[in-house]
Amino acid sequence: MKLEFRVEMYNFFNHPEFGMPVVNLGLPQTGRITSTPTSRTGRCNWR
């Protein structure tokens, strides 16, 4: 029987990943980036 412990991290160093800018010309936020996806996530499991 073989047991393996595994750790996976996403965006470990917390570098910003920006969303798409607002492209609707009728809004005052046009050209602004108003969202970012979730920052760090991780998971551990035994296999």
C-alpha atoms as a PDB file:
ATOM      1  CA  MET A   1       0.000   0.000   0.000  1.00  0.00           C
ATOM      2  CA  LYS A   2       1.356   3.387  -1.010  1.00  0.00           C
ATOM      3  CA  LEU A   3       0.185   6.616   0.654  1.00  0.00           C
ATOM      4  CA  GLU A   4       0.868  10.035  -0.837  1.00  0.00           C
ATOM      5  CA  PHE A   5       0.229  13.466   0.686  1.00  0.00           C
ATOM      6  CA  ARG A   6      -0.385  16.186  -1.871  1.00  0.00           C
ATOM      7  CA  VAL A   7      -0.634  19.986  -1.589  1.00  0.00           C
ATOM      8  CA  GLU A   8      -1.784  22.211  -4.457  1.00  0.00           C
ATOM      9  CA  MET A   9      -1.681  25.995  -4.332  1.00  0.00           C
ATOM     10  CA  TYR A  10      -3.032  28.462  -6.870  1.00  0.00           C
ATOM     11  CA  ASN A  11      -1.790  32.046  -6.982  1.00  0.00           C
ATOM     12  CA  PHE A  12       0.516  31.267  -4.033  1.00  0.00           C
ATOM     13  CA  PHE A  13       2.464  34.544  -4.334  1.00  0.00           C
ATOM     14  CA  ASN A  14      -0.816  36.514  -4.599  1.00  0.00           C
ATOM     15  CA  HIS A  15       0.012  38.290  -7.863  1.00  0.00           C
ATOM     16  CA  PRO A  16      -2.993  40.282  -9.093  1.00  0.00           C
ATOM     17  CA  GLU A  17      -5.044  38.836 -11.925  1.00  0.00           C
ATOM     18  CA  PHE A  18      -7.356  41.541 -13.180  1.00  0.00           C
ATOM     19  CA  GLY A  19     -10.698  41.040 -14.874  1.00  0.00           C
ATOM     20  CA  MET A  20     -11.789  42.547 -18.174  1.00  0.00           C
ATOM     21  CA  PRO A  21     -12.393  46.322 -18.342  1.00  0.00           C
ATOM     22  CA  VAL A  22     -15.926  47.678 -18.664  1.00  0.00           C
ATOM     23  CA  VAL A  23     -16.639  48.179 -22.379  1.00  0.00           C
ATOM     24  CA  ASN A  24     -20.116  49.734 -22.275  1.00  0.00           C
ATOM     25  CA  LEU A  25     -19.625  53.313 -23.502  1.00  0.00           C
ATOM     26  CA  GLY A  26     -22.762  54.513 -21.695  1.00  0.00           C
ATOM     27  CA  LEU A  27     -21.346  53.864 -18.229  1.00  0.00           C
ATOM     28  CA  PRO A  28     -19.050  56.149 -16.248  1.00  0.00           C
ATOM     29  CA  GLN A  29     -16.855  53.127 -15.425  1.00  0.00           C
ATOM     30  CA  THR A  30     -15.898  52.623 -19.100  1.00  0.00           C
ATOM     31  CA  GLY A  31     -12.327  51.415 -19.361  1.00  0.00           C
ATOM     32  CA  ARG A  32     -12.008  50.656 -15.646  1.00  0.00           C
ATOM     33  CA  ILE A  33     -11.267  47.215 -14.317  1.00  0.00           C
ATOM     34  CA  THR A  34     -13.797  46.629 -11.562  1.00  0.00           C
ATOM     35  CA  SER A  35     -13.215  42.976 -10.693  1.00  0.00           C
ATOM     36  CA  THR A  36     -10.545  40.498  -9.737  1.00  0.00           C
ATOM     37  CA  PRO A  37     -10.936  36.750  -9.317  1.00  0.00           C
ATOM     38  CA  THR A  38     -10.468  35.168  -5.920  1.00  0.00           C
ATOM     39  CA  SER A  39      -6.927  35.340  -4.644  1.00  0.00           C
ATOM     40  CA  ARG A  40      -5.087  32.436  -3.035  1.00  0.00           C
ATOM     41  CA  THR A  41      -6.613  29.004  -2.932  1.00  0.00           C
ATOM     42  CA  GLY A  42      -5.148  25.728  -1.890  1.00  0.00           C
ATOM     43  CA  ARG A  43      -6.021  22.160  -1.145  1.00  0.00           C
ATOM     44  CA  CYS A  44      -4.431  19.218   0.600  1.00  0.00           C
ATOM     45  CA  ASN A  45      -5.304  15.575   0.162  1.00  0.00           C
ATOM     46  CA  TRP A  46      -4.158  12.052   0.873  1.00  0.00           C
ATOM     47  CA  ARG A  47      -4.025   9.593  -1.927  1.00  0.00           C
END
